[in-house]
Amino acid sequence: MEKYKKIDDFIKKHNLKFEDRKLYIQAFTHRSFDCKTEGNNERLEFLGDAVLELIITDYLFKTYPDSKEGFLSQLRGYLVSAKNLSDFALNLKLDDIILLGKGEENNGGRRKASILSDTAEAIIGAVYISQGFEKTREFCLEYFANQIDELIHSKQLKNPKTRLQEFSQAKYGVLPDYQVLKQETIDGEKYYIMYLKVEALDFGPIRKNSKKEAEEELATIALNFFEGL
C-alpha cells in the first residue's frame, strides 16, 4: 500500500529485516491512527525506552571507565531526554513517516517532541525484537556515539531538570516537586496538566501530552526565573 511505502524505504535504508515489515508498521503507528490490524506503537515504545537506556549505559560504562557514576548518569539523562530523542527522530526523518490520525495531523503532530521521541523509542524496540541487541546497539550508537564527545565539555550536558535539582538543593536544601494536577483526553490524546514547586514558589500549570516533556519545560521556566533574579 502507498501509505506504507516510506516505511518500506526506511527498512531498506537501514538494512532491517523486510520479513518483519508488520512490526515496523506498528512501530510507526501513533495511537491516533485508525489501524485495527498491526496496532499502535505504545508497547514497542515501552520496550525501546528500556533497551535504549541499557545501550547508552553499557556504552558509557565501557567507554569511560574512570568517570564517576554521577557524571555518567548526567550524560545518560541528557542523551535519553525527550528533546534529544526528538532530535534523533528528526535525524532519521521519522517525522515524515509516522502514521497519524487526521486530528493529530492537523494539530502539528509530526513536529511534537513527545510523538517524535515516542516513535524513536518504538523503532528501537522493533529493531531489538527483529534483530537482537547487537544490531540495535549499532543502530543507536551510529547517532548517539557521535554526540558524546561534543557533550563532554558542553554546557548542554546538564538537562534542565538536573540543573534545577542542583540549584534547588544548594539554595533551599530541597528537591523540585513536580505534580500532576489532572489528566484529560482531547481527540483521543492523553494530556497532563502539571505544575512545579520549588520551596515556596510555584511554576505552571502547563499542559503537555508527555510527563517527561512537561517536567523539562517546567524546569526550564523555573531556571529562567531564578537566573533572572
Protein backbone atom coordinates (compact mmCIF):
# COMPACT_ATOMS: atom_id res chain seq x y z
CA MET A 1 0.00 0.00 0.00
CA GLU A 2 1.16 3.52 -0.81
CA LYS A 3 0.83 4.72 2.79
CA TYR A 4 3.46 2.16 3.83
CA LYS A 5 5.97 2.93 1.06
CA LYS A 6 8.02 5.28 3.25
CA ILE A 7 8.22 2.57 5.91
CA ASP A 8 9.47 0.11 3.28
CA ASP A 9 12.10 2.65 2.22
CA PHE A 10 13.18 3.11 5.85
CA ILE A 11 13.56 -0.66 6.30
CA LYS A 12 15.74 -0.92 3.18
CA LYS A 13 17.86 2.13 4.01
CA HIS A 14 18.79 0.81 7.46
CA ASN A 15 19.28 -2.83 6.40
CA LEU A 16 16.43 -4.08 8.56
CA LYS A 17 14.53 -7.32 8.02
CA PHE A 18 11.75 -6.88 5.49
CA GLU A 19 10.02 -10.02 6.76
CA ASP A 20 9.31 -8.03 9.95
CA ARG A 21 7.55 -5.30 7.98
CA LYS A 22 4.37 -5.57 10.10
CA LEU A 23 6.43 -4.93 13.22
CA TYR A 24 7.85 -1.71 11.74
CA ILE A 25 4.42 -0.59 10.56
CA GLN A 26 3.27 -0.97 14.17
CA ALA A 27 6.32 0.98 15.40
CA PHE A 28 5.39 3.92 13.16
CA THR A 29 1.69 3.84 14.10
CA HIS A 30 0.60 6.50 16.57
CA ARG A 31 -2.46 5.69 18.68
CA SER A 32 -4.46 8.38 16.83
CA PHE A 33 -4.17 6.44 13.56
CA ASP A 34 -7.03 4.09 12.65
CA CYS A 35 -5.25 0.76 12.35
CA LYS A 36 -7.04 -2.38 13.50
CA THR A 37 -4.51 -4.91 12.20
CA GLU A 38 -0.98 -4.07 13.37
CA GLY A 39 -1.97 -2.00 16.43
CA ASN A 40 -0.23 1.14 17.72
CA ASN A 41 3.33 1.64 18.93
CA GLU A 42 2.84 2.13 22.68
CA ARG A 43 4.10 -1.30 23.78
CA LEU A 44 7.12 -1.04 21.46
CA GLU A 45 7.82 2.41 22.90
CA PHE A 46 7.83 0.88 26.40
CA LEU A 47 10.35 -1.75 25.31
CA GLY A 48 12.51 0.64 23.29
CA ASP A 49 12.84 3.03 26.23
CA ALA A 50 14.40 0.27 28.35
CA VAL A 51 16.60 -1.06 25.54
CA LEU A 52 17.98 2.39 24.71
CA GLU A 53 18.79 3.08 28.36
CA LEU A 54 20.71 -0.20 28.57
CA ILE A 55 22.61 0.53 25.34
CA ILE A 56 23.62 4.01 26.49
CA THR A 57 24.51 2.78 30.00
CA ASP A 58 26.62 -0.09 28.63
CA TYR A 59 28.42 2.21 26.18
CA LEU A 60 29.20 4.88 28.78
CA PHE A 61 30.32 2.33 31.37
CA LYS A 62 32.79 0.70 28.95
CA THR A 63 33.96 3.87 27.18
CA TYR A 64 34.59 5.96 30.31
CA PRO A 65 35.98 3.52 32.92
CA ASP A 66 37.41 6.32 35.07
CA SER A 67 34.30 8.52 35.15
CA LYS A 68 32.19 8.77 38.27
CA GLU A 69 28.64 7.45 38.46
CA GLY A 70 27.14 10.92 38.87
CA PHE A 71 28.76 12.19 35.67
CA LEU A 72 27.68 9.11 33.69
CA SER A 73 24.11 9.42 34.98
CA GLN A 74 24.03 13.07 33.99
CA LEU A 75 25.31 12.29 30.50
CA ARG A 76 22.85 9.43 30.06
CA GLY A 77 19.99 11.64 31.27
CA TYR A 78 20.71 14.16 28.54
CA LEU A 79 21.08 11.53 25.81
CA VAL A 80 17.73 9.84 26.55
CA SER A 81 15.81 13.07 27.24
CA ALA A 82 12.65 13.77 25.24
CA LYS A 83 14.34 16.69 23.49
CA ASN A 84 17.37 14.67 22.42
CA LEU A 85 15.24 11.72 21.31
CA SER A 86 13.09 14.05 19.21
CA ASP A 87 16.30 15.32 17.55
CA PHE A 88 17.29 11.69 16.94
CA ALA A 89 13.88 11.10 15.32
CA LEU A 90 14.30 14.16 13.09
CA ASN A 91 17.78 12.99 12.10
CA LEU A 92 16.22 9.71 10.94
CA LYS A 93 13.40 11.68 9.25
CA LEU A 94 10.79 9.77 11.26
CA ASP A 95 8.55 12.84 11.21
CA ASP A 96 7.89 12.21 7.52
CA ILE A 97 6.95 8.55 8.09
CA ILE A 98 4.82 8.47 11.27
CA LEU A 99 1.23 7.28 10.74
CA LEU A 100 -1.08 9.81 12.42
CA GLY A 101 -4.82 10.30 12.67
CA LYS A 102 -6.32 13.33 10.91
CA GLY A 103 -6.84 15.26 14.15
CA GLU A 104 -3.25 14.82 15.29
CA GLU A 105 -2.00 15.57 11.77
CA ASN A 106 -3.93 18.85 11.73
CA ASN A 107 -2.60 19.73 15.20
CA GLY A 108 1.03 19.57 14.06
CA GLY A 109 1.69 16.12 15.48
CA ARG A 110 4.65 15.49 13.18
CA ARG A 111 6.65 18.18 14.97
CA LYS A 112 5.63 17.35 18.54
CA ALA A 113 8.65 16.33 20.61
CA SER A 114 6.59 13.80 22.57
CA ILE A 115 5.36 11.98 19.44
CA LEU A 116 8.80 12.08 17.83
CA SER A 117 10.59 10.75 20.91
CA ASP A 118 7.96 8.05 21.49
CA THR A 119 8.24 6.91 17.87
CA ALA A 120 12.04 6.78 18.12
CA GLU A 121 11.74 4.51 21.17
CA ALA A 122 9.19 2.32 19.35
CA ILE A 123 11.55 1.90 16.38
CA ILE A 124 14.35 0.91 18.77
CA GLY A 125 12.01 -1.64 20.34
CA ALA A 126 11.13 -3.04 16.92
CA VAL A 127 14.78 -3.37 15.86
CA TYR A 128 15.51 -5.18 19.13
CA ILE A 129 12.68 -7.70 18.62
CA SER A 130 13.58 -8.23 14.98
CA GLN A 131 17.38 -8.39 15.10
CA GLY A 132 18.54 -8.52 18.70
CA PHE A 133 20.71 -6.43 20.97
CA GLU A 134 23.87 -6.06 18.85
CA LYS A 135 22.05 -4.77 15.76
CA THR A 136 20.03 -2.39 17.95
CA ARG A 137 23.20 -1.18 19.63
CA GLU A 138 24.78 -0.49 16.24
CA PHE A 139 21.61 1.26 15.03
CA CYS A 140 21.52 3.57 18.07
CA LEU A 141 25.21 4.31 18.53
CA GLU A 142 25.62 5.39 14.91
CA TYR A 143 23.86 8.54 16.12
CA PHE A 144 24.43 8.76 19.87
CA ALA A 145 28.16 7.93 19.97
CA ASN A 146 28.87 10.95 17.76
CA GLN A 147 27.18 13.22 20.29
CA ILE A 148 29.08 12.16 23.36
CA ASP A 149 32.49 13.71 22.64
CA GLU A 150 30.78 17.01 21.81
CA LEU A 151 28.82 16.91 25.05
CA ILE A 152 31.64 16.12 27.46
CA HIS A 153 32.67 19.76 27.86
CA SER A 154 29.41 21.31 26.75
CA LYS A 155 27.03 23.31 28.93
CA GLN A 156 24.27 21.40 27.15
CA LEU A 157 25.23 18.31 29.08
CA LYS A 158 23.07 19.12 32.05
CA ASN A 159 19.41 18.91 31.17
CA PRO A 160 17.06 21.46 32.77
CA LYS A 161 15.82 19.03 35.43
CA THR A 162 19.37 18.21 36.55
CA ARG A 163 20.39 21.87 36.65
CA LEU A 164 17.29 22.83 38.63
CA GLN A 165 17.77 19.96 41.06
CA GLU A 166 21.35 21.03 41.78
CA PHE A 167 20.28 24.67 42.20
CA SER A 168 17.34 23.83 44.47
CA GLN A 169 19.36 21.54 46.71
CA ALA A 170 22.18 24.08 47.02
CA LYS A 171 19.94 27.09 47.71
CA TYR A 172 16.98 25.60 49.58
CA GLY A 173 18.06 22.11 50.61
CA VAL A 174 15.02 20.55 48.90
CA LEU A 175 14.27 18.76 45.64
CA PRO A 176 11.96 20.28 43.00
CA ASP A 177 8.46 18.83 43.34
CA TYR A 178 6.67 18.03 40.05
CA GLN A 179 2.92 17.47 40.48
CA VAL A 180 0.19 16.24 38.13
CA LEU A 181 -2.93 18.32 38.79
CA LYS A 182 -5.11 16.25 36.48
CA GLN A 183 -5.22 14.21 33.29
CA GLU A 184 -7.55 14.84 30.39
CA THR A 185 -8.16 13.35 26.96
CA ILE A 186 -8.60 15.56 23.90
CA ASP A 187 -9.30 13.96 20.49
CA GLY A 188 -8.10 10.63 21.86
CA GLU A 189 -4.81 12.11 23.08
CA LYS A 190 -3.93 11.98 26.79
CA TYR A 191 -2.69 15.25 28.32
CA TYR A 192 -1.19 16.02 31.72
CA ILE A 193 -1.74 19.33 33.50
CA MET A 194 1.29 19.79 35.73
CA TYR A 195 2.96 22.34 37.95
CA LEU A 196 6.26 22.60 39.76
CA LYS A 197 7.00 23.66 43.34
CA VAL A 198 10.46 24.81 44.41
CA GLU A 199 10.49 25.69 48.11
CA ALA A 200 7.61 28.24 48.40
CA LEU A 201 7.49 29.12 44.69
CA ASP A 202 5.05 27.61 42.18
CA PHE A 203 5.59 27.38 38.40
CA GLY A 204 2.88 26.48 35.91
CA PRO A 205 0.49 24.95 35.39
CA ILE A 206 1.19 23.75 31.85
CA ARG A 207 -0.47 21.10 29.70
CA LYS A 208 1.55 18.53 27.74
CA ASN A 209 0.92 15.05 26.39
CA SER A 210 4.18 13.78 27.89
CA LYS A 211 5.12 13.93 31.58
CA LYS A 212 8.81 13.96 30.71
CA GLU A 213 8.38 16.88 28.33
CA ALA A 214 6.23 18.77 30.86
CA GLU A 215 8.81 18.35 33.62
CA GLU A 216 11.62 19.56 31.34
CA GLU A 217 9.61 22.63 30.31
CA LEU A 218 8.67 23.46 33.91
CA ALA A 219 12.32 23.12 34.94
CA THR A 220 13.32 25.49 32.13
CA ILE A 221 10.69 28.04 33.23
CA ALA A 222 11.96 27.87 36.82
CA LEU A 223 15.62 28.19 35.76
CA ASN A 224 14.82 31.23 33.64
CA PHE A 225 13.10 32.79 36.66
CA PHE A 226 15.97 32.12 39.07
CA GLU A 227 18.66 33.16 36.59
CA GLY A 228 16.81 36.45 36.06
CA LEU A 229 16.87 37.38 39.75
